[in-house]
Amino acid sequence: MKKLALMALMAFGSVFPAGYLSAQTALKDVAEIRNGIIFVGMAYEISEKCDSVSARLFRGLGYLQSLRSRARELGYSEAEIDAYINDEAEKDRLEGIARAQLAQLGVVPEREETYCAVGRAEIAANTRVGWLLR
């Protein structure tokens, strides 16, 4: 699961440019950004654990780009973004949130069929996670 949070945060960080003014609220406290990263991580984890469900790579990158645009609108600097994506405690926290959300949806670690069932259900419901899968 640590790989999940790391991959989402690395992808998120790779689409952020430098040069924006500092915001007052910590980036980790911006729900739309934080939740977006969690959704990408959940979709990635499902796609890694279930052979019959795959991630929509370009859609995921586009979504991360939209998160970047939103953070830019909010005035976050490259330094703030780098601090966020490199924060080990935050990676662990996001990993725990993603793991708990997957479990609430019915995922049982080490049981591929549960990842597949959750992935198919998310796709059918057209949730943000499902939107990132096919």
N, C-alpha and C. Protein backbone atom coordinates (compact mmCIF):
# COMPACT_ATOMS: atom_id res chain seq x y z
N MET A 1 0.84 -1.19 0.00
CA MET A 1 0.00 0.00 0.00
C MET A 1 0.88 1.25 0.00
N LYS A 2 2.07 1.16 0.59
CA LYS A 2 2.97 2.32 0.59
C LYS A 2 3.29 2.70 -0.85
N LYS A 3 3.40 1.69 -1.71
CA LYS A 3 3.66 1.95 -3.13
C LYS A 3 2.51 2.77 -3.73
N LEU A 4 1.28 2.48 -3.32
CA LEU A 4 0.10 3.19 -3.79
C LEU A 4 0.21 4.68 -3.49
N ALA A 5 0.46 5.02 -2.26
CA ALA A 5 0.55 6.43 -1.88
C ALA A 5 1.74 7.10 -2.54
N LEU A 6 2.86 6.40 -2.60
CA LEU A 6 4.06 6.94 -3.22
C LEU A 6 3.83 7.23 -4.69
N MET A 7 3.21 6.28 -5.42
CA MET A 7 2.97 6.48 -6.85
C MET A 7 2.02 7.65 -7.09
N ALA A 8 0.96 7.73 -6.31
CA ALA A 8 0.01 8.83 -6.50
C ALA A 8 0.66 10.17 -6.19
N LEU A 9 1.42 10.23 -5.12
CA LEU A 9 2.06 11.50 -4.76
C LEU A 9 3.15 11.87 -5.77
N MET A 10 3.89 10.88 -6.26
CA MET A 10 4.92 11.18 -7.26
C MET A 10 4.28 11.68 -8.55
N ALA A 11 3.20 11.03 -8.97
CA ALA A 11 2.51 11.48 -10.18
C ALA A 11 1.94 12.87 -9.98
N PHE A 12 1.36 13.11 -8.83
CA PHE A 12 0.80 14.42 -8.50
C PHE A 12 1.90 15.47 -8.55
N GLY A 13 3.02 15.19 -7.93
CA GLY A 13 4.12 16.15 -7.87
C GLY A 13 4.75 16.42 -9.22
N SER A 14 4.71 15.45 -10.11
CA SER A 14 5.36 15.62 -11.40
C SER A 14 4.63 16.58 -12.32
N VAL A 15 3.38 16.90 -12.01
CA VAL A 15 2.64 17.81 -12.88
C VAL A 15 2.55 19.22 -12.31
N PHE A 16 3.28 19.51 -11.24
CA PHE A 16 3.22 20.83 -10.62
C PHE A 16 4.40 21.70 -11.04
N PRO A 17 4.14 22.90 -11.56
CA PRO A 17 5.22 23.83 -11.89
C PRO A 17 5.59 24.71 -10.69
N ALA A 18 6.66 25.45 -10.86
CA ALA A 18 7.13 26.35 -9.80
C ALA A 18 6.55 27.75 -9.98
N GLY A 19 6.78 28.58 -8.96
CA GLY A 19 6.54 30.00 -9.13
C GLY A 19 5.23 30.55 -8.65
N TYR A 20 4.52 29.89 -7.79
CA TYR A 20 3.25 30.42 -7.33
C TYR A 20 3.33 30.86 -5.89
N LEU A 21 2.47 31.80 -5.55
CA LEU A 21 2.46 32.37 -4.21
C LEU A 21 2.04 31.36 -3.16
N SER A 22 2.49 31.56 -1.96
CA SER A 22 2.18 30.67 -0.85
C SER A 22 0.73 30.81 -0.41
N ALA A 23 0.12 29.69 -0.07
CA ALA A 23 -1.25 29.72 0.46
C ALA A 23 -1.19 29.60 1.97
N GLN A 24 -2.27 30.00 2.63
CA GLN A 24 -2.27 29.96 4.08
C GLN A 24 -2.55 28.57 4.63
N THR A 25 -3.41 27.81 3.99
CA THR A 25 -3.77 26.49 4.48
C THR A 25 -2.75 25.47 3.97
N ALA A 26 -2.36 24.54 4.83
CA ALA A 26 -1.44 23.48 4.39
C ALA A 26 -2.10 22.67 3.29
N LEU A 27 -1.33 22.29 2.29
CA LEU A 27 -1.86 21.55 1.16
C LEU A 27 -2.54 20.26 1.61
N LYS A 28 -2.03 19.63 2.65
CA LYS A 28 -2.64 18.39 3.13
C LYS A 28 -4.05 18.61 3.68
N ASP A 29 -4.40 19.85 3.97
CA ASP A 29 -5.73 20.17 4.51
C ASP A 29 -6.72 20.61 3.43
N VAL A 30 -6.31 20.60 2.18
CA VAL A 30 -7.20 20.95 1.07
C VAL A 30 -7.85 19.65 0.60
N ALA A 31 -9.11 19.46 1.00
CA ALA A 31 -9.81 18.19 0.78
C ALA A 31 -9.85 17.77 -0.68
N GLU A 32 -10.12 18.69 -1.59
CA GLU A 32 -10.24 18.30 -2.99
C GLU A 32 -8.92 17.77 -3.55
N ILE A 33 -7.80 18.31 -3.10
CA ILE A 33 -6.49 17.84 -3.55
C ILE A 33 -6.17 16.50 -2.88
N ARG A 34 -6.29 16.47 -1.57
CA ARG A 34 -6.00 15.26 -0.80
C ARG A 34 -6.86 14.09 -1.28
N ASN A 35 -8.18 14.32 -1.40
CA ASN A 35 -9.07 13.24 -1.82
C ASN A 35 -8.78 12.79 -3.25
N GLY A 36 -8.43 13.74 -4.10
CA GLY A 36 -8.07 13.38 -5.47
C GLY A 36 -6.88 12.44 -5.51
N ILE A 37 -5.89 12.71 -4.70
CA ILE A 37 -4.71 11.84 -4.64
C ILE A 37 -5.11 10.47 -4.11
N ILE A 38 -5.97 10.45 -3.12
CA ILE A 38 -6.44 9.17 -2.56
C ILE A 38 -7.19 8.38 -3.62
N PHE A 39 -8.06 9.04 -4.39
CA PHE A 39 -8.82 8.34 -5.43
C PHE A 39 -7.90 7.75 -6.49
N VAL A 40 -6.90 8.52 -6.91
CA VAL A 40 -5.93 8.01 -7.89
C VAL A 40 -5.20 6.81 -7.31
N GLY A 41 -4.80 6.91 -6.06
CA GLY A 41 -4.11 5.79 -5.41
C GLY A 41 -4.98 4.56 -5.29
N MET A 42 -6.26 4.75 -4.96
CA MET A 42 -7.17 3.61 -4.85
C MET A 42 -7.34 2.94 -6.21
N ALA A 43 -7.51 3.73 -7.27
CA ALA A 43 -7.66 3.18 -8.62
C ALA A 43 -6.38 2.43 -9.02
N TYR A 44 -5.25 3.01 -8.71
CA TYR A 44 -3.98 2.36 -9.03
C TYR A 44 -3.86 1.02 -8.30
N GLU A 45 -4.19 1.00 -7.04
CA GLU A 45 -4.10 -0.23 -6.24
C GLU A 45 -5.02 -1.31 -6.80
N ILE A 46 -6.24 -0.93 -7.14
CA ILE A 46 -7.17 -1.90 -7.72
C ILE A 46 -6.61 -2.46 -9.02
N SER A 47 -6.08 -1.58 -9.86
CA SER A 47 -5.55 -2.03 -11.15
C SER A 47 -4.31 -2.92 -10.98
N GLU A 48 -3.56 -2.71 -9.94
CA GLU A 48 -2.38 -3.54 -9.68
C GLU A 48 -2.75 -4.90 -9.10
N LYS A 49 -3.84 -4.98 -8.37
CA LYS A 49 -4.23 -6.21 -7.68
C LYS A 49 -5.22 -7.06 -8.47
N CYS A 50 -5.88 -6.48 -9.47
CA CYS A 50 -6.89 -7.19 -10.25
C CYS A 50 -6.49 -7.20 -11.72
N ASP A 51 -6.28 -8.39 -12.27
CA ASP A 51 -5.85 -8.50 -13.66
C ASP A 51 -6.92 -8.08 -14.66
N SER A 52 -8.20 -8.14 -14.28
CA SER A 52 -9.26 -7.83 -15.23
C SER A 52 -9.70 -6.36 -15.21
N VAL A 53 -9.11 -5.55 -14.37
CA VAL A 53 -9.41 -4.12 -14.30
C VAL A 53 -8.10 -3.37 -14.48
N SER A 54 -8.13 -2.36 -15.33
CA SER A 54 -6.89 -1.59 -15.55
C SER A 54 -7.14 -0.10 -15.31
N ALA A 55 -6.06 0.59 -15.05
CA ALA A 55 -6.11 2.03 -14.83
C ALA A 55 -6.20 2.74 -16.18
N ARG A 56 -6.92 3.84 -16.21
CA ARG A 56 -6.97 4.72 -17.38
C ARG A 56 -5.85 5.74 -17.20
N LEU A 57 -4.70 5.41 -17.75
CA LEU A 57 -3.50 6.21 -17.52
C LEU A 57 -3.67 7.67 -17.94
N PHE A 58 -4.13 7.90 -19.15
CA PHE A 58 -4.25 9.28 -19.61
C PHE A 58 -5.32 10.05 -18.84
N ARG A 59 -6.40 9.36 -18.50
CA ARG A 59 -7.44 10.00 -17.70
C ARG A 59 -6.88 10.36 -16.32
N GLY A 60 -6.10 9.44 -15.74
CA GLY A 60 -5.50 9.70 -14.44
C GLY A 60 -4.53 10.87 -14.48
N LEU A 61 -3.72 10.91 -15.53
CA LEU A 61 -2.78 12.03 -15.66
C LEU A 61 -3.53 13.35 -15.86
N GLY A 62 -4.61 13.31 -16.65
CA GLY A 62 -5.42 14.50 -16.83
C GLY A 62 -6.05 14.97 -15.53
N TYR A 63 -6.49 14.00 -14.73
CA TYR A 63 -7.08 14.34 -13.45
C TYR A 63 -6.04 14.96 -12.52
N LEU A 64 -4.84 14.38 -12.51
CA LEU A 64 -3.77 14.97 -11.71
C LEU A 64 -3.44 16.38 -12.21
N GLN A 65 -3.51 16.56 -13.50
CA GLN A 65 -3.29 17.90 -14.07
C GLN A 65 -4.35 18.88 -13.56
N SER A 66 -5.59 18.42 -13.46
CA SER A 66 -6.65 19.29 -12.95
C SER A 66 -6.43 19.62 -11.48
N LEU A 67 -5.89 18.67 -10.72
CA LEU A 67 -5.55 18.95 -9.33
C LEU A 67 -4.44 20.00 -9.26
N ARG A 68 -3.48 19.87 -10.15
CA ARG A 68 -2.41 20.86 -10.23
C ARG A 68 -2.97 22.24 -10.52
N SER A 69 -3.87 22.31 -11.49
CA SER A 69 -4.46 23.59 -11.84
C SER A 69 -5.20 24.20 -10.65
N ARG A 70 -5.91 23.35 -9.93
CA ARG A 70 -6.65 23.85 -8.77
C ARG A 70 -5.68 24.36 -7.70
N ALA A 71 -4.62 23.60 -7.44
CA ALA A 71 -3.64 24.04 -6.44
C ALA A 71 -2.99 25.35 -6.88
N ARG A 72 -2.74 25.49 -8.18
CA ARG A 72 -2.18 26.75 -8.69
C ARG A 72 -3.15 27.89 -8.43
N GLU A 73 -4.45 27.65 -8.67
CA GLU A 73 -5.45 28.68 -8.41
C GLU A 73 -5.46 29.09 -6.94
N LEU A 74 -5.17 28.12 -6.08
CA LEU A 74 -5.15 28.38 -4.65
C LEU A 74 -3.85 29.03 -4.19
N GLY A 75 -2.86 29.11 -5.08
CA GLY A 75 -1.63 29.83 -4.78
C GLY A 75 -0.50 29.04 -4.15
N TYR A 76 -0.46 27.73 -4.31
CA TYR A 76 0.62 26.94 -3.69
C TYR A 76 1.91 27.04 -4.49
N SER A 77 3.01 27.10 -3.78
CA SER A 77 4.34 27.20 -4.39
C SER A 77 4.92 25.81 -4.62
N GLU A 78 5.95 25.76 -5.43
CA GLU A 78 6.65 24.49 -5.68
C GLU A 78 7.21 23.92 -4.37
N ALA A 79 7.73 24.80 -3.54
CA ALA A 79 8.28 24.34 -2.25
C ALA A 79 7.21 23.69 -1.38
N GLU A 80 6.03 24.27 -1.35
CA GLU A 80 4.93 23.69 -0.56
C GLU A 80 4.50 22.35 -1.14
N ILE A 81 4.43 22.28 -2.45
CA ILE A 81 4.04 21.02 -3.10
C ILE A 81 5.09 19.96 -2.86
N ASP A 82 6.37 20.30 -3.03
CA ASP A 82 7.45 19.34 -2.78
C ASP A 82 7.43 18.86 -1.33
N ALA A 83 7.21 19.77 -0.42
CA ALA A 83 7.15 19.39 0.99
C ALA A 83 6.01 18.40 1.23
N TYR A 84 4.89 18.63 0.59
CA TYR A 84 3.73 17.75 0.73
C TYR A 84 4.01 16.36 0.16
N ILE A 85 4.53 16.28 -1.05
CA ILE A 85 4.73 14.97 -1.68
C ILE A 85 5.91 14.21 -1.09
N ASN A 86 6.81 14.90 -0.41
CA ASN A 86 7.96 14.23 0.21
C ASN A 86 7.78 13.94 1.69
N ASP A 87 6.66 14.28 2.24
CA ASP A 87 6.38 14.11 3.66
C ASP A 87 6.00 12.64 3.95
N GLU A 88 6.90 11.92 4.58
CA GLU A 88 6.68 10.50 4.87
C GLU A 88 5.46 10.27 5.76
N ALA A 89 5.25 11.13 6.73
CA ALA A 89 4.09 10.98 7.61
C ALA A 89 2.81 11.16 6.80
N GLU A 90 2.81 12.09 5.86
CA GLU A 90 1.62 12.30 5.03
C GLU A 90 1.39 11.12 4.10
N LYS A 91 2.46 10.55 3.55
CA LYS A 91 2.32 9.35 2.73
C LYS A 91 1.67 8.24 3.53
N ASP A 92 2.14 8.04 4.75
CA ASP A 92 1.57 7.00 5.62
C ASP A 92 0.11 7.29 5.93
N ARG A 93 -0.21 8.55 6.17
CA ARG A 93 -1.59 8.94 6.48
C ARG A 93 -2.51 8.68 5.29
N LEU A 94 -2.09 9.10 4.10
CA LEU A 94 -2.89 8.87 2.90
C LEU A 94 -3.05 7.38 2.62
N GLU A 95 -1.99 6.64 2.83
CA GLU A 95 -2.05 5.19 2.66
C GLU A 95 -3.09 4.58 3.59
N GLY A 96 -3.12 5.01 4.83
CA GLY A 96 -4.10 4.51 5.78
C GLY A 96 -5.52 4.86 5.38
N ILE A 97 -5.72 6.07 4.89
CA ILE A 97 -7.04 6.50 4.44
C ILE A 97 -7.48 5.66 3.24
N ALA A 98 -6.59 5.51 2.28
CA ALA A 98 -6.92 4.72 1.08
C ALA A 98 -7.22 3.27 1.45
N ARG A 99 -6.41 2.70 2.31
CA ARG A 99 -6.62 1.31 2.75
C ARG A 99 -7.97 1.17 3.45
N ALA A 100 -8.30 2.11 4.32
CA ALA A 100 -9.58 2.05 5.03
C ALA A 100 -10.75 2.20 4.07
N GLN A 101 -10.63 3.10 3.10
CA GLN A 101 -11.72 3.28 2.13
C GLN A 101 -11.90 2.03 1.27
N LEU A 102 -10.80 1.42 0.84
CA LEU A 102 -10.91 0.19 0.07
C LEU A 102 -11.56 -0.91 0.90
N ALA A 103 -11.18 -1.02 2.17
CA ALA A 103 -11.77 -2.03 3.05
C ALA A 103 -13.27 -1.78 3.23
N GLN A 104 -13.67 -0.52 3.39
CA GLN A 104 -15.09 -0.19 3.52
C GLN A 104 -15.87 -0.58 2.28
N LEU A 105 -15.21 -0.56 1.14
CA LEU A 105 -15.85 -0.94 -0.11
C LEU A 105 -15.88 -2.45 -0.32
N GLY A 106 -15.16 -3.19 0.53
CA GLY A 106 -15.18 -4.65 0.44
C GLY A 106 -13.88 -5.32 0.06
N VAL A 107 -12.81 -4.56 -0.08
CA VAL A 107 -11.52 -5.16 -0.41
C VAL A 107 -10.97 -5.91 0.80
N VAL A 108 -10.51 -7.12 0.54
CA VAL A 108 -9.82 -7.92 1.54
C VAL A 108 -8.40 -8.14 1.01
N PRO A 109 -7.39 -7.62 1.71
CA PRO A 109 -6.01 -7.79 1.23
C PRO A 109 -5.70 -9.25 0.92
N GLU A 110 -4.91 -9.45 -0.12
CA GLU A 110 -4.48 -10.78 -0.56
C GLU A 110 -5.59 -11.58 -1.23
N ARG A 111 -6.75 -10.97 -1.46
CA ARG A 111 -7.85 -11.64 -2.18
C ARG A 111 -8.18 -10.84 -3.43
N GLU A 112 -7.56 -11.24 -4.54
CA GLU A 112 -7.70 -10.52 -5.80
C GLU A 112 -9.15 -10.30 -6.19
N GLU A 113 -9.99 -11.30 -5.97
CA GLU A 113 -11.38 -11.18 -6.40
C GLU A 113 -12.11 -10.02 -5.73
N THR A 114 -11.68 -9.64 -4.52
CA THR A 114 -12.34 -8.52 -3.86
C THR A 114 -11.94 -7.19 -4.50
N TYR A 115 -10.69 -7.10 -4.93
CA TYR A 115 -10.26 -5.90 -5.66
C TYR A 115 -11.04 -5.79 -6.98
N CYS A 116 -11.20 -6.92 -7.65
CA CYS A 116 -11.94 -6.94 -8.92
C CYS A 116 -13.40 -6.54 -8.71
N ALA A 117 -14.03 -7.10 -7.70
CA ALA A 117 -15.43 -6.79 -7.42
C ALA A 117 -15.60 -5.31 -7.10
N VAL A 118 -14.72 -4.77 -6.28
CA VAL A 118 -14.80 -3.35 -5.93
C VAL A 118 -14.53 -2.50 -7.17
N GLY A 119 -13.55 -2.87 -7.96
CA GLY A 119 -13.25 -2.12 -9.17
C GLY A 119 -14.43 -2.10 -10.13
N ARG A 120 -15.04 -3.25 -10.37
CA ARG A 120 -16.21 -3.31 -11.26
C ARG A 120 -17.38 -2.50 -10.70
N ALA A 121 -17.59 -2.57 -9.39
CA ALA A 121 -18.68 -1.80 -8.76
C ALA A 121 -18.42 -0.30 -8.88
N GLU A 122 -17.18 0.12 -8.69
CA GLU A 122 -16.84 1.54 -8.82
C GLU A 122 -17.01 2.02 -10.25
N ILE A 123 -16.65 1.18 -11.22
CA ILE A 123 -16.84 1.52 -12.63
C ILE A 123 -18.34 1.66 -12.92
N ALA A 124 -19.13 0.69 -12.48
CA ALA A 124 -20.57 0.71 -12.73
C ALA A 124 -21.24 1.93 -12.10
N ALA A 125 -20.78 2.32 -10.93
CA ALA A 125 -21.36 3.48 -10.24
C ALA A 125 -20.78 4.80 -10.74
N ASN A 126 -19.79 4.73 -11.61
CA ASN A 126 -19.11 5.91 -12.15
C ASN A 126 -18.64 6.86 -11.06
N THR A 127 -18.06 6.28 -10.01
CA THR A 127 -17.45 7.08 -8.96
C THR A 127 -16.14 7.65 -9.50
N ARG A 128 -15.50 8.52 -8.75
CA ARG A 128 -14.20 9.06 -9.18
C ARG A 128 -13.20 7.93 -9.34
N VAL A 129 -13.19 6.98 -8.43
CA VAL A 129 -12.29 5.83 -8.56
C VAL A 129 -12.65 5.02 -9.81
N GLY A 130 -13.93 4.75 -9.99
CA GLY A 130 -14.37 3.99 -11.16
C GLY A 130 -14.09 4.70 -12.47
N TRP A 131 -14.19 6.02 -12.48
CA TRP A 131 -13.91 6.83 -13.64
C TRP A 131 -12.44 6.70 -14.06
N LEU A 132 -11.59 6.37 -13.11
CA LEU A 132 -10.16 6.21 -13.38
C LEU A 132 -9.79 4.78 -13.79
N LEU A 133 -10.80 3.90 -13.88
CA LEU A 133 -10.57 2.49 -14.21
C LEU A 133 -11.32 2.10 -15.47
N ARG A 134 -10.92 0.95 -16.05
CA ARG A 134 -11.69 0.34 -17.15
C ARG A 134 -11.60 -1.16 -17.03
